C-alpha atoms as a PDB file:
ATOM      1  CA  UNK A   1      20.268 -26.112 -29.100  1.00  0.00           C
ATOM      2  CA  UNK A   2      20.250 -24.606 -32.586  1.00  0.00           C
ATOM      3  CA  UNK A   3      18.107 -22.812 -35.117  1.00  0.00           C
ATOM      4  CA  UNK A   4      16.608 -26.000 -36.538  1.00  0.00           C
ATOM      5  CA  UNK A   5      15.634 -27.385 -33.163  1.00  0.00           C
ATOM      6  CA  UNK A   6      13.605 -24.236 -32.573  1.00  0.00           C
ATOM      7  CA  UNK A   7      11.423 -24.697 -35.652  1.00  0.00           C
ATOM      8  CA  UNK A   8       7.899 -25.946 -34.982  1.00  0.00           C
ATOM      9  CA  UNK A   9       8.099 -29.123 -37.129  1.00  0.00           C
ATOM     10  CA  UNK A  10      11.327 -30.221 -35.482  1.00  0.00           C
ATOM     11  CA  UNK A  11      10.065 -29.416 -32.024  1.00  0.00           C
ATOM     12  CA  UNK A  12       7.248 -31.838 -32.799  1.00  0.00           C
ATOM     13  CA  UNK A  13       9.751 -34.584 -33.598  1.00  0.00           C
ATOM     14  CA  UNK A  14      11.478 -34.196 -30.248  1.00  0.00           C
ATOM     15  CA  UNK A  15       8.193 -34.549 -28.417  1.00  0.00           C
ATOM     16  CA  UNK A  16       6.988 -37.696 -30.216  1.00  0.00           C
ATOM     17  CA  UNK A  17      10.390 -39.463 -29.912  1.00  0.00           C
ATOM     18  CA  UNK A  18      10.034 -40.982 -33.379  1.00  0.00           C
ATOM     19  CA  UNK A  19      11.331 -40.131 -36.862  1.00  0.00           C
ATOM     20  CA  UNK A  20       9.536 -41.551 -39.897  1.00  0.00           C
ATOM     21  CA  UNK A  21      10.430 -41.528 -43.596  1.00  0.00           C
ATOM     22  CA  UNK A  22       7.991 -38.632 -44.049  1.00  0.00           C
ATOM     23  CA  UNK A  23       9.798 -36.730 -41.287  1.00  0.00           C
ATOM     24  CA  UNK A  24      13.100 -37.183 -43.128  1.00  0.00           C
ATOM     25  CA  UNK A  25      11.555 -35.676 -46.272  1.00  0.00           C
ATOM     26  CA  UNK A  26      10.464 -32.692 -44.173  1.00  0.00           C
ATOM     27  CA  UNK A  27      13.898 -32.367 -42.591  1.00  0.00           C
ATOM     28  CA  UNK A  28      15.557 -32.385 -46.012  1.00  0.00           C
ATOM     29  CA  UNK A  29      13.420 -29.391 -46.989  1.00  0.00           C
ATOM     30  CA  UNK A  30      14.238 -27.623 -43.728  1.00  0.00           C
ATOM     31  CA  UNK A  31      17.985 -28.244 -43.863  1.00  0.00           C
ATOM     32  CA  UNK A  32      18.782 -28.045 -47.578  1.00  0.00           C
ATOM     33  CA  UNK A  33      16.082 -25.588 -48.632  1.00  0.00           C
ATOM     34  CA  UNK A  34      18.379 -22.544 -48.564  1.00  0.00           C
ATOM     35  CA  UNK A  35      21.449 -24.463 -49.772  1.00  0.00           C
ATOM     36  CA  UNK A  36      23.360 -23.803 -46.547  1.00  0.00           C
ATOM     37  CA  UNK A  37      23.724 -26.184 -43.599  1.00  0.00           C
ATOM     38  CA  UNK A  38      24.674 -24.195 -40.508  1.00  0.00           C
ATOM     39  CA  UNK A  39      26.302 -25.319 -37.286  1.00  0.00           C
ATOM     40  CA  UNK A  40      23.033 -24.695 -35.467  1.00  0.00           C
ATOM     41  CA  UNK A  41      21.259 -27.058 -37.830  1.00  0.00           C
ATOM     42  CA  UNK A  42      24.009 -29.656 -37.483  1.00  0.00           C
ATOM     43  CA  UNK A  43      23.801 -29.454 -33.696  1.00  0.00           C
ATOM     44  CA  UNK A  44      20.049 -29.847 -33.890  1.00  0.00           C
ATOM     45  CA  UNK A  45      20.422 -33.003 -35.945  1.00  0.00           C
ATOM     46  CA  UNK A  46      22.852 -34.398 -33.383  1.00  0.00           C
ATOM     47  CA  UNK A  47      20.276 -33.684 -30.678  1.00  0.00           C
ATOM     48  CA  UNK A  48      17.604 -35.536 -32.626  1.00  0.00           C
ATOM     49  CA  UNK A  49      19.909 -38.480 -33.246  1.00  0.00           C
ATOM     50  CA  UNK A  50      20.802 -38.713 -29.557  1.00  0.00           C
ATOM     51  CA  UNK A  51      17.319 -38.324 -28.080  1.00  0.00           C
ATOM     52  CA  UNK A  52      15.059 -40.089 -30.577  1.00  0.00           C
ATOM     53  CA  UNK A  53      14.856 -43.830 -29.972  1.00  0.00           C
ATOM     54  CA  UNK A  54      12.688 -44.879 -32.909  1.00  0.00           C
ATOM     55  CA  UNK A  55      14.325 -43.793 -36.170  1.00  0.00           C
ATOM     56  CA  UNK A  56      13.426 -44.949 -39.669  1.00  0.00           C
ATOM     57  CA  UNK A  57      15.905 -46.574 -42.070  1.00  0.00           C
ATOM     58  CA  UNK A  58      16.197 -43.317 -44.040  1.00  0.00           C
ATOM     59  CA  UNK A  59      17.501 -41.342 -41.064  1.00  0.00           C
ATOM     60  CA  UNK A  60      21.195 -42.426 -40.955  1.00  0.00           C
ATOM     61  CA  UNK A  61      21.880 -41.519 -44.605  1.00  0.00           C
ATOM     62  CA  UNK A  62      20.220 -38.130 -44.208  1.00  0.00           C
ATOM     63  CA  UNK A  63      22.009 -37.399 -40.930  1.00  0.00           C
ATOM     64  CA  UNK A  64      25.426 -38.297 -42.374  1.00  0.00           C
ATOM     65  CA  UNK A  65      24.812 -36.344 -45.583  1.00  0.00           C
ATOM     66  CA  UNK A  66      23.608 -33.183 -43.839  1.00  0.00           C
ATOM     67  CA  UNK A  67      26.311 -32.989 -41.165  1.00  0.00           C
ATOM     68  CA  UNK A  68      29.038 -33.854 -43.695  1.00  0.00           C
ATOM     69  CA  UNK A  69      27.787 -31.013 -45.893  1.00  0.00           C
ATOM     70  CA  UNK A  70      28.224 -28.584 -42.999  1.00  0.00           C
ATOM     71  CA  UNK A  71      31.699 -29.815 -42.017  1.00  0.00           C
ATOM     72  CA  UNK A  72      33.169 -30.223 -45.512  1.00  0.00           C
ATOM     73  CA  UNK A  73      31.435 -27.735 -47.793  1.00  0.00           C
ATOM     74  CA  UNK A  74      30.181 -24.729 -45.849  1.00  0.00           C
ATOM     75  CA  UNK A  75      33.498 -23.136 -44.909  1.00  0.00           C
ATOM     76  CA  UNK A  76      35.844 -21.694 -47.523  1.00  0.00           C
ATOM     77  CA  UNK A  77      37.634 -23.147 -49.313  1.00  0.00           C
ATOM     78  CA  UNK A  78      35.015 -25.815 -49.815  1.00  0.00           C
ATOM     79  CA  UNK A  79      36.264 -29.362 -49.410  1.00  0.00           C
ATOM     80  CA  UNK A  80      38.861 -28.580 -46.747  1.00  0.00           C
ATOM     81  CA  UNK A  81      37.987 -29.508 -43.154  1.00  0.00           C
ATOM     82  CA  UNK A  82      39.116 -26.717 -40.853  1.00  0.00           C
ATOM     83  CA  UNK A  83      40.824 -27.301 -37.525  1.00  0.00           C
ATOM     84  CA  UNK A  84      37.784 -25.820 -35.790  1.00  0.00           C
ATOM     85  CA  UNK A  85      35.323 -28.113 -37.553  1.00  0.00           C
ATOM     86  CA  UNK A  86      37.514 -31.152 -36.895  1.00  0.00           C
ATOM     87  CA  UNK A  87      37.645 -30.270 -33.188  1.00  0.00           C
ATOM     88  CA  UNK A  88      33.884 -29.723 -33.130  1.00  0.00           C
ATOM     89  CA  UNK A  89      33.192 -33.070 -34.793  1.00  0.00           C
ATOM     90  CA  UNK A  90      35.439 -35.064 -32.449  1.00  0.00           C
ATOM     91  CA  UNK A  91      34.046 -33.244 -29.424  1.00  0.00           C
ATOM     92  CA  UNK A  92      30.459 -33.852 -30.500  1.00  0.00           C
ATOM     93  CA  UNK A  93      30.699 -37.573 -31.281  1.00  0.00           C
ATOM     94  CA  UNK A  94      33.021 -38.535 -28.397  1.00  0.00           C
ATOM     95  CA  UNK A  95      31.984 -40.107 -25.123  1.00  0.00           C
ATOM     96  CA  UNK A  96      35.094 -40.623 -22.981  1.00  0.00           C
ATOM     97  CA  UNK A  97      37.175 -40.425 -26.150  1.00  0.00           C
ATOM     98  CA  UNK A  98      35.183 -43.069 -28.033  1.00  0.00           C
ATOM     99  CA  UNK A  99      32.358 -43.073 -30.569  1.00  0.00           C
ATOM    100  CA  UNK A 100      29.474 -45.287 -29.452  1.00  0.00           C
ATOM    101  CA  UNK A 101      27.082 -44.899 -32.389  1.00  0.00           C
ATOM    102  CA  UNK A 102      27.417 -46.628 -35.745  1.00  0.00           C
ATOM    103  CA  UNK A 103      25.785 -43.628 -37.395  1.00  0.00           C
ATOM    104  CA  UNK A 104      28.364 -41.261 -35.903  1.00  0.00           C
ATOM    105  CA  UNK A 105      31.227 -43.568 -36.881  1.00  0.00           C
ATOM    106  CA  UNK A 106      29.879 -43.604 -40.438  1.00  0.00           C
ATOM    107  CA  UNK A 107      29.708 -39.796 -40.294  1.00  0.00           C
ATOM    108  CA  UNK A 108      33.366 -39.598 -39.272  1.00  0.00           C
ATOM    109  CA  UNK A 109      34.492 -41.876 -42.117  1.00  0.00           C
ATOM    110  CA  UNK A 110      32.210 -40.128 -44.623  1.00  0.00           C
ATOM    111  CA  UNK A 111      33.727 -36.738 -43.749  1.00  0.00           C
ATOM    112  CA  UNK A 112      37.200 -38.134 -44.461  1.00  0.00           C
ATOM    113  CA  UNK A 113      36.000 -39.570 -47.772  1.00  0.00           C
ATOM    114  CA  UNK A 114      34.323 -36.387 -48.965  1.00  0.00           C
ATOM    115  CA  UNK A 115      37.013 -33.939 -47.876  1.00  0.00           C
ATOM    116  CA  UNK A 116      39.854 -32.941 -50.165  1.00  0.00           C
ATOM    117  CA  UNK A 117      41.970 -32.372 -47.089  1.00  0.00           C
ATOM    118  CA  UNK A 118      41.482 -32.806 -43.345  1.00  0.00           C
ATOM    119  CA  UNK A 119      43.649 -32.541 -40.211  1.00  0.00           C
ATOM    120  CA  UNK A 120      45.919 -35.522 -39.647  1.00  0.00           C
ATOM    121  CA  UNK A 121      44.439 -36.314 -36.254  1.00  0.00           C
ATOM    122  CA  UNK A 122      40.982 -36.897 -37.745  1.00  0.00           C
ATOM    123  CA  UNK A 123      42.185 -39.977 -39.629  1.00  0.00           C
ATOM    124  CA  UNK A 124      44.095 -41.244 -36.596  1.00  0.00           C
ATOM    125  CA  UNK A 125      41.004 -40.738 -34.424  1.00  0.00           C
ATOM    126  CA  UNK A 126      38.891 -42.770 -36.860  1.00  0.00           C
ATOM    127  CA  UNK A 127      41.476 -45.563 -36.873  1.00  0.00           C
ATOM    128  CA  UNK A 128      41.529 -45.519 -33.072  1.00  0.00           C
ATOM    129  CA  UNK A 129      37.798 -46.250 -33.018  1.00  0.00           C
ATOM    130  CA  UNK A 130      38.358 -49.426 -35.017  1.00  0.00           C
ATOM    131  CA  UNK A 131      41.380 -50.354 -32.885  1.00  0.00           C
ATOM    132  CA  UNK A 132      39.348 -49.975 -29.681  1.00  0.00           C
ATOM    133  CA  UNK A 133      36.566 -52.162 -31.050  1.00  0.00           C
ATOM    134  CA  UNK A 134      38.981 -54.846 -32.295  1.00  0.00           C
ATOM    135  CA  UNK A 135      41.110 -54.975 -29.142  1.00  0.00           C
ATOM    136  CA  UNK A 136      38.359 -54.673 -26.535  1.00  0.00           C
ATOM    137  CA  UNK A 137      35.322 -55.993 -28.392  1.00  0.00           C
ATOM    138  CA  UNK A 138      33.427 -52.817 -27.549  1.00  0.00           C
ATOM    139  CA  UNK A 139      32.187 -49.936 -29.636  1.00  0.00           C
ATOM    140  CA  UNK A 140      29.958 -49.261 -32.620  1.00  0.00           C
ATOM    141  CA  UNK A 141      31.368 -52.206 -34.581  1.00  0.00           C
ATOM    142  CA  UNK A 142      30.072 -54.742 -32.093  1.00  0.00           C
ATOM    143  CA  UNK A 143      26.379 -54.245 -32.942  1.00  0.00           C
ATOM    144  CA  UNK A 144      25.215 -57.609 -34.163  1.00  0.00           C
ATOM    145  CA  UNK A 145      27.684 -59.472 -31.931  1.00  0.00           C
ATOM    146  CA  UNK A 146      30.320 -60.105 -34.604  1.00  0.00           C
ATOM    147  CA  UNK A 147      33.364 -58.706 -32.804  1.00  0.00           C
ATOM    148  CA  UNK A 148      35.794 -61.087 -31.102  1.00  0.00           C
ATOM    149  CA  UNK A 149      38.096 -59.188 -28.698  1.00  0.00           C
ATOM    150  CA  UNK A 150      41.721 -59.402 -29.803  1.00  0.00           C
ATOM    151  CA  UNK A 151      40.952 -60.649 -33.312  1.00  0.00           C
ATOM    152  CA  UNK A 152      40.617 -58.616 -36.500  1.00  0.00           C
ATOM    153  CA  UNK A 153      38.118 -59.862 -39.073  1.00  0.00           C
ATOM    154  CA  UNK A 154      37.680 -58.956 -42.727  1.00  0.00           C
ATOM    155  CA  UNK A 155      34.983 -56.349 -41.995  1.00  0.00           C
ATOM    156  CA  UNK A 156      37.283 -54.430 -39.641  1.00  0.00           C
ATOM    157  CA  UNK A 157      40.184 -54.615 -42.112  1.00  0.00           C
ATOM    158  CA  UNK A 158      38.011 -53.162 -44.840  1.00  0.00           C
ATOM    159  CA  UNK A 159      36.884 -50.334 -42.560  1.00  0.00           C
ATOM    160  CA  UNK A 160      40.548 -49.573 -41.788  1.00  0.00           C
ATOM    161  CA  UNK A 161      41.333 -49.655 -45.503  1.00  0.00           C
ATOM    162  CA  UNK A 162      38.414 -47.321 -46.179  1.00  0.00           C
ATOM    163  CA  UNK A 163      39.691 -44.810 -43.608  1.00  0.00           C
ATOM    164  CA  UNK A 164      43.246 -44.968 -44.947  1.00  0.00           C
ATOM    165  CA  UNK A 165      42.021 -44.570 -48.535  1.00  0.00           C
ATOM    166  CA  UNK A 166      39.986 -41.538 -47.573  1.00  0.00           C
ATOM    167  CA  UNK A 167      42.531 -39.479 -45.675  1.00  0.00           C
ATOM    168  CA  UNK A 168      44.890 -38.898 -48.596  1.00  0.00           C
ATOM    169  CA  UNK A 169      42.448 -36.395 -50.103  1.00  0.00           C
ATOM    170  CA  UNK A 170      43.853 -34.466 -53.056  1.00  0.00           C
ATOM    171  CA  UNK A 171      47.310 -34.120 -51.496  1.00  0.00           C
ATOM    172  CA  UNK A 172      48.553 -37.578 -52.508  1.00  0.00           C
ATOM    173  CA  UNK A 173      50.323 -37.912 -49.162  1.00  0.00           C
ATOM    174  CA  UNK A 174      51.937 -41.036 -47.789  1.00  0.00           C
ATOM    175  CA  UNK A 175      50.668 -42.896 -44.749  1.00  0.00           C
ATOM    176  CA  UNK A 176      51.454 -40.787 -41.669  1.00  0.00           C
ATOM    177  CA  UNK A 177      53.230 -41.796 -38.483  1.00  0.00           C
ATOM    178  CA  UNK A 178      50.108 -41.306 -36.357  1.00  0.00           C
ATOM    179  CA  UNK A 179      48.244 -43.729 -38.626  1.00  0.00           C
ATOM    180  CA  UNK A 180      51.013 -46.331 -38.456  1.00  0.00           C
ATOM    181  CA  UNK A 181      51.092 -46.054 -34.660  1.00  0.00           C
ATOM    182  CA  UNK A 182      47.472 -47.241 -34.561  1.00  0.00           C
ATOM    183  CA  UNK A 183      48.162 -50.054 -37.027  1.00  0.00           C
ATOM    184  CA  UNK A 184      51.085 -51.309 -34.944  1.00  0.00           C
ATOM    185  CA  UNK A 185      48.894 -51.182 -31.838  1.00  0.00           C
ATOM    186  CA  UNK A 186      46.332 -53.415 -33.545  1.00  0.00           C
ATOM    187  CA  UNK A 187      49.061 -55.745 -34.799  1.00  0.00           C
ATOM    188  CA  UNK A 188      50.604 -56.164 -31.362  1.00  0.00           C
ATOM    189  CA  UNK A 189      47.291 -56.759 -29.605  1.00  0.00           C
ATOM    190  CA  UNK A 190      46.017 -59.312 -32.133  1.00  0.00           C
ATOM    191  CA  UNK A 191      49.279 -61.194 -32.724  1.00  0.00           C
ATOM    192  CA  UNK A 192      48.063 -64.438 -31.130  1.00  0.00           C
ATOM    193  CA  UNK A 193      44.716 -64.493 -32.929  1.00  0.00           C
ATOM    194  CA  UNK A 194      43.666 -66.120 -36.180  1.00  0.00           C
ATOM    195  CA  UNK A 195      43.247 -62.799 -37.958  1.00  0.00           C
ATOM    196  CA  UNK A 196      41.757 -62.533 -41.413  1.00  0.00           C
ATOM    197  CA  UNK A 197      44.585 -62.777 -44.031  1.00  0.00           C
ATOM    198  CA  UNK A 198      43.580 -59.395 -45.446  1.00  0.00           C
ATOM    199  CA  UNK A 199      45.020 -57.805 -42.277  1.00  0.00           C
ATOM    200  CA  UNK A 200      48.554 -58.917 -43.176  1.00  0.00           C
ATOM    201  CA  UNK A 201      48.153 -57.454 -46.656  1.00  0.00           C
ATOM    202  CA  UNK A 202      46.968 -54.074 -45.360  1.00  0.00           C
ATOM    203  CA  UNK A 203      49.520 -53.889 -42.548  1.00  0.00           C
ATOM    204  CA  UNK A 204      52.544 -54.570 -44.756  1.00  0.00           C
ATOM    205  CA  UNK A 205      51.450 -52.192 -47.507  1.00  0.00           C
ATOM    206  CA  UNK A 206      50.586 -49.354 -45.110  1.00  0.00           C
ATOM    207  CA  UNK A 207      53.795 -49.523 -43.065  1.00  0.00           C
ATOM    208  CA  UNK A 208      55.854 -49.979 -46.237  1.00  0.00           C
ATOM    209  CA  UNK A 209      54.237 -46.851 -47.666  1.00  0.00           C
ATOM    210  CA  UNK A 210      55.296 -44.852 -44.617  1.00  0.00           C
ATOM    211  CA  UNK A 211      58.866 -46.188 -44.602  1.00  0.00           C
ATOM    212  CA  UNK A 212      59.477 -46.055 -48.363  1.00  0.00           C
ATOM    213  CA  UNK A 213      58.184 -42.521 -48.722  1.00  0.00           C
ATOM    214  CA  UNK A 214      60.381 -41.460 -45.814  1.00  0.00           C
ATOM    215  CA  UNK A 215      63.233 -42.843 -47.915  1.00  0.00           C
ATOM    216  CA  UNK A 216      62.445 -40.551 -50.831  1.00  0.00           C
ATOM    217  CA  UNK A 217      60.130 -42.671 -52.959  1.00  0.00           C
ATOM    218  CA  UNK A 218      57.198 -40.862 -54.493  1.00  0.00           C
ATOM    219  CA  UNK A 219      53.957 -41.654 -52.678  1.00  0.00           C
ATOM    220  CA  UNK A 220      51.371 -43.230 -54.988  1.00  0.00           C
ATOM    221  CA  UNK A 221      47.724 -42.483 -54.432  1.00  0.00           C
ATOM    222  CA  UNK A 222      46.563 -44.339 -51.356  1.00  0.00           C
ATOM    223  CA  UNK A 223      44.080 -46.463 -53.248  1.00  0.00           C
ATOM    224  CA  UNK A 224      47.000 -47.676 -55.390  1.00  0.00           C
ATOM    225  CA  UNK A 225      49.397 -48.224 -52.484  1.00  0.00           C
ATOM    226  CA  UNK A 226      46.834 -50.160 -50.445  1.00  0.00           C
ATOM    227  CA  UNK A 227      44.730 -51.785 -53.143  1.00  0.00           C
ATOM    228  CA  UNK A 228      43.410 -55.224 -52.389  1.00  0.00           C
ATOM    229  CA  UNK A 229      43.268 -56.782 -55.837  1.00  0.00           C
ATOM    230  CA  UNK A 230      46.223 -58.767 -57.172  1.00  0.00           C
ATOM    231  CA  UNK A 231      49.064 -57.011 -58.949  1.00  0.00           C
ATOM    232  CA  UNK A 232      50.326 -58.079 -62.363  1.00  0.00           C
ATOM    233  CA  UNK A 233      53.945 -58.626 -61.460  1.00  0.00           C
ATOM    234  CA  UNK A 234      55.142 -61.655 -59.526  1.00  0.00           C
ATOM    235  CA  UNK A 235      57.366 -61.775 -56.486  1.00  0.00           C
ATOM    236  CA  UNK A 236      61.079 -62.344 -56.835  1.00  0.00           C
ATOM    237  CA  UNK A 237      61.771 -66.125 -56.905  1.00  0.00           C
ATOM    238  CA  UNK A 238      63.598 -66.469 -53.582  1.00  0.00           C
ATOM    239  CA  UNK A 239      60.761 -64.955 -51.568  1.00  0.00           C
ATOM    240  CA  UNK A 240      57.862 -65.459 -53.938  1.00  0.00           C
ATOM    241  CA  UNK A 241      56.247 -68.219 -51.935  1.00  0.00           C
ATOM    242  CA  UNK A 242      56.438 -66.234 -48.710  1.00  0.00           C
ATOM    243  CA  UNK A 243      55.003 -63.060 -50.159  1.00  0.00           C
ATOM    244  CA  UNK A 244      52.305 -64.889 -52.073  1.00  0.00           C
ATOM    245  CA  UNK A 245      50.978 -66.044 -48.700  1.00  0.00           C
ATOM    246  CA  UNK A 246      51.264 -62.636 -47.084  1.00  0.00           C
ATOM    247  CA  UNK A 247      50.688 -59.914 -49.651  1.00  0.00           C
ATOM    248  CA  UNK A 248      48.749 -60.010 -52.908  1.00  0.00           C
ATOM    249  CA  UNK A 249      51.158 -59.719 -55.833  1.00  0.00           C
ATOM    250  CA  UNK A 250      54.263 -60.198 -53.701  1.00  0.00           C
ATOM    251  CA  UNK A 251      57.257 -57.921 -53.356  1.00  0.00           C
ATOM    252  CA  UNK A 252      57.291 -56.800 -56.972  1.00  0.00           C
ATOM    253  CA  UNK A 253      53.610 -55.981 -56.731  1.00  0.00           C
ATOM    254  CA  UNK A 254      54.208 -53.493 -53.936  1.00  0.00           C
ATOM    255  CA  UNK A 255      57.280 -51.938 -55.529  1.00  0.00           C
ATOM    256  CA  UNK A 256      55.416 -51.485 -58.807  1.00  0.00           C
ATOM    257  CA  UNK A 257      53.323 -48.789 -57.168  1.00  0.00           C
ATOM    258  CA  UNK A 258      56.316 -46.624 -56.246  1.00  0.00           C
ATOM    259  CA  UNK A 259      58.719 -44.482 -58.224  1.00  0.00           C
ATOM    260  CA  UNK A 260      62.313 -44.588 -57.033  1.00  0.00           C
ATOM    261  CA  UNK A 261      64.072 -41.313 -56.144  1.00  0.00           C
ATOM    262  CA  UNK A 262      66.342 -41.713 -59.182  1.00  0.00           C
ATOM    263  CA  UNK A 263      63.349 -41.857 -61.528  1.00  0.00           C
ATOM    264  CA  UNK A 264      61.878 -38.751 -59.967  1.00  0.00           C
ATOM    265  CA  UNK A 265      65.189 -36.907 -60.167  1.00  0.00           C
ATOM    266  CA  UNK A 266      65.579 -37.693 -63.875  1.00  0.00           C
ATOM    267  CA  UNK A 267      62.161 -36.265 -64.586  1.00  0.00           C
ATOM    268  CA  UNK A 268      62.850 -33.158 -62.532  1.00  0.00           C
ATOM    269  CA  UNK A 269      66.237 -32.641 -64.147  1.00  0.00           C
ATOM    270  CA  UNK A 270      64.668 -32.937 -67.574  1.00  0.00           C
ATOM    271  CA  UNK A 271      62.476 -30.041 -66.515  1.00  0.00           C
ATOM    272  CA  UNK A 272      65.458 -28.044 -65.251  1.00  0.00           C
ATOM    273  CA  UNK A 273      64.576 -28.625 -61.606  1.00  0.00           C
ATOM    274  CA  UNK A 274      68.076 -29.527 -60.487  1.00  0.00           C
ATOM    275  CA  UNK A 275      67.701 -27.983 -57.054  1.00  0.00           C
ATOM    276  CA  UNK A 276      64.655 -30.074 -56.216  1.00  0.00           C
ATOM    277  CA  UNK A 277      66.389 -33.173 -57.579  1.00  0.00           C
ATOM    278  CA  UNK A 278      69.389 -32.639 -55.341  1.00  0.00           C
ATOM    279  CA  UNK A 279      67.144 -32.122 -52.350  1.00  0.00           C
ATOM    280  CA  UNK A 280      65.226 -35.307 -53.090  1.00  0.00           C
ATOM    281  CA  UNK A 281      68.467 -37.263 -53.601  1.00  0.00           C
ATOM    282  CA  UNK A 282      69.524 -36.332 -50.080  1.00  0.00           C
ATOM    283  CA  UNK A 283      66.409 -37.836 -48.499  1.00  0.00           C
ATOM    284  CA  UNK A 284      66.738 -41.119 -46.629  1.00  0.00           C
ATOM    285  CA  UNK A 285      65.197 -42.959 -43.698  1.00  0.00           C
ATOM    286  CA  UNK A 286      66.597 -40.827 -40.910  1.00  0.00           C
ATOM    287  CA  UNK A 287      67.624 -42.044 -37.467  1.00  0.00           C
ATOM    288  CA  UNK A 288      64.258 -41.111 -35.995  1.00  0.00           C
ATOM    289  CA  UNK A 289      62.255 -43.193 -38.480  1.00  0.00           C
ATOM    290  CA  UNK A 290      64.607 -46.167 -38.152  1.00  0.00           C
ATOM    291  CA  UNK A 291      64.520 -46.023 -34.364  1.00  0.00           C
ATOM    292  CA  UNK A 292      60.714 -45.763 -34.416  1.00  0.00           C
ATOM    293  CA  UNK A 293      60.369 -48.911 -36.513  1.00  0.00           C
ATOM    294  CA  UNK A 294      62.974 -50.821 -34.489  1.00  0.00           C
ATOM    295  CA  UNK A 295      61.226 -49.926 -31.219  1.00  0.00           C
ATOM    296  CA  UNK A 296      57.847 -51.113 -32.501  1.00  0.00           C
ATOM    297  CA  UNK A 297      59.157 -54.471 -33.640  1.00  0.00           C
ATOM    298  CA  UNK A 298      61.661 -54.878 -30.790  1.00  0.00           C
ATOM    299  CA  UNK A 299      63.655 -57.981 -29.831  1.00  0.00           C
ATOM    300  CA  UNK A 300      60.742 -60.413 -29.644  1.00  0.00           C
ATOM    301  CA  UNK A 301      60.209 -63.099 -32.302  1.00  0.00           C
ATOM    302  CA  UNK A 302      59.018 -61.588 -35.574  1.00  0.00           C
ATOM    303  CA  UNK A 303      55.405 -61.936 -36.583  1.00  0.00           C
ATOM    304  CA  UNK A 304      54.917 -63.151 -40.119  1.00  0.00           C
ATOM    305  CA  UNK A 305      53.669 -59.815 -41.425  1.00  0.00           C
ATOM    306  CA  UNK A 306      56.584 -58.004 -39.732  1.00  0.00           C
ATOM    307  CA  UNK A 307      58.943 -60.431 -41.459  1.00  0.00           C
ATOM    308  CA  UNK A 308      57.271 -59.554 -44.755  1.00  0.00           C
ATOM    309  CA  UNK A 309      57.689 -55.850 -44.045  1.00  0.00           C
ATOM    310  CA  UNK A 310      61.396 -56.174 -43.204  1.00  0.00           C
ATOM    311  CA  UNK A 311      61.987 -58.336 -46.279  1.00  0.00           C
ATOM    312  CA  UNK A 312      60.405 -55.623 -48.389  1.00  0.00           C
ATOM    313  CA  UNK A 313      62.633 -52.938 -46.839  1.00  0.00           C
ATOM    314  CA  UNK A 314      65.734 -55.097 -47.349  1.00  0.00           C
ATOM    315  CA  UNK A 315      65.005 -55.528 -51.060  1.00  0.00           C
ATOM    316  CA  UNK A 316      63.794 -51.984 -51.698  1.00  0.00           C
ATOM    317  CA  UNK A 317      66.338 -49.897 -49.804  1.00  0.00           C
ATOM    318  CA  UNK A 318      69.832 -49.379 -51.259  1.00  0.00           C
ATOM    319  CA  UNK A 319      71.079 -48.363 -47.818  1.00  0.00           C
ATOM    320  CA  UNK A 320      69.873 -49.706 -44.466  1.00  0.00           C
ATOM    321  CA  UNK A 321      70.124 -47.456 -41.423  1.00  0.00           C
ATOM    322  CA  UNK A 322      72.237 -49.008 -38.622  1.00  0.00           C
ATOM    323  CA  UNK A 323      69.274 -48.883 -36.234  1.00  0.00           C
ATOM    324  CA  UNK A 324      67.394 -51.301 -38.496  1.00  0.00           C
ATOM    325  CA  UNK A 325      70.280 -53.607 -39.364  1.00  0.00           C
ATOM    326  CA  UNK A 326      69.748 -56.115 -36.474  1.00  0.00           C
ATOM    327  CA  UNK A 327      66.132 -56.559 -37.574  1.00  0.00           C
ATOM    328  CA  UNK A 328      66.979 -56.760 -41.265  1.00  0.00           C
ATOM    329  CA  UNK A 329      69.594 -59.418 -40.473  1.00  0.00           C
ATOM    330  CA  UNK A 330      66.798 -61.637 -39.139  1.00  0.00           C
ATOM    331  CA  UNK A 331      65.272 -61.892 -42.610  1.00  0.00           C
ATOM    332  CA  UNK A 332      68.510 -61.832 -44.640  1.00  0.00           C
END
């Protein structure tokens, strides 16, 4: 299986089908002793995790730490997950496209958190695991019997928020379309349920981040764009009550996190970056983005968090694309 699995101490672990705290101390010496975690060692740890039934409480943290070290830090430049390592990770933890171990799900999220940059599909894949568990009531989140199919609880929302926080890395990128696709899937499949209120907050802020940054606003750090704590500013009076129910801090609280294209242009122009300013001024929500959003919301009655999202777009955007106008008119 790999170089670690061939060592005598580890071979002993496979035969006794049990990993104790003392075994984890030994494994730490084996794996980290030379300062390099290899793919062979990572594969060996996966084999141990899959075949050993009786594992001590110290095992999950060690397993996640060691495999994350291989994926994130051992290839140059350190901190950047390569396409090959991302493919290997998804291939290794997937059974029919799904992760069925809480330890492996934690590994996936931990890799996103520790990496400075990772392929887009890795974040979307992590979100899909949560979506599958929420919609179908099956998967690593259901251990303990807390999942209700078709309903999203606070614990699942916070796991989604954790994944979305993590993916931005050091690139300060906005929420991506593949991520929003998963969020809309969850929203559509849980519309009739009594979801935790934190879901509405996360949904509106995440989709707004995608739409506003497509319109030329500067993307704030994800932990700012999606933060859960209340903002200082209050919502505008005419919609304050609505947004206070849906999103912490209201409309003004969300907008406070973004810098308008005009503000960015002024700064660039002050630094003699007129060309970049002109390019940024030309950016808008193009037909593709508007059509995408209109198709997801459709002609059905608006959900309350979709109404909040459209109200935000109406107040934030100086120009509404024709494809969105019928939807915007519903909240005018």
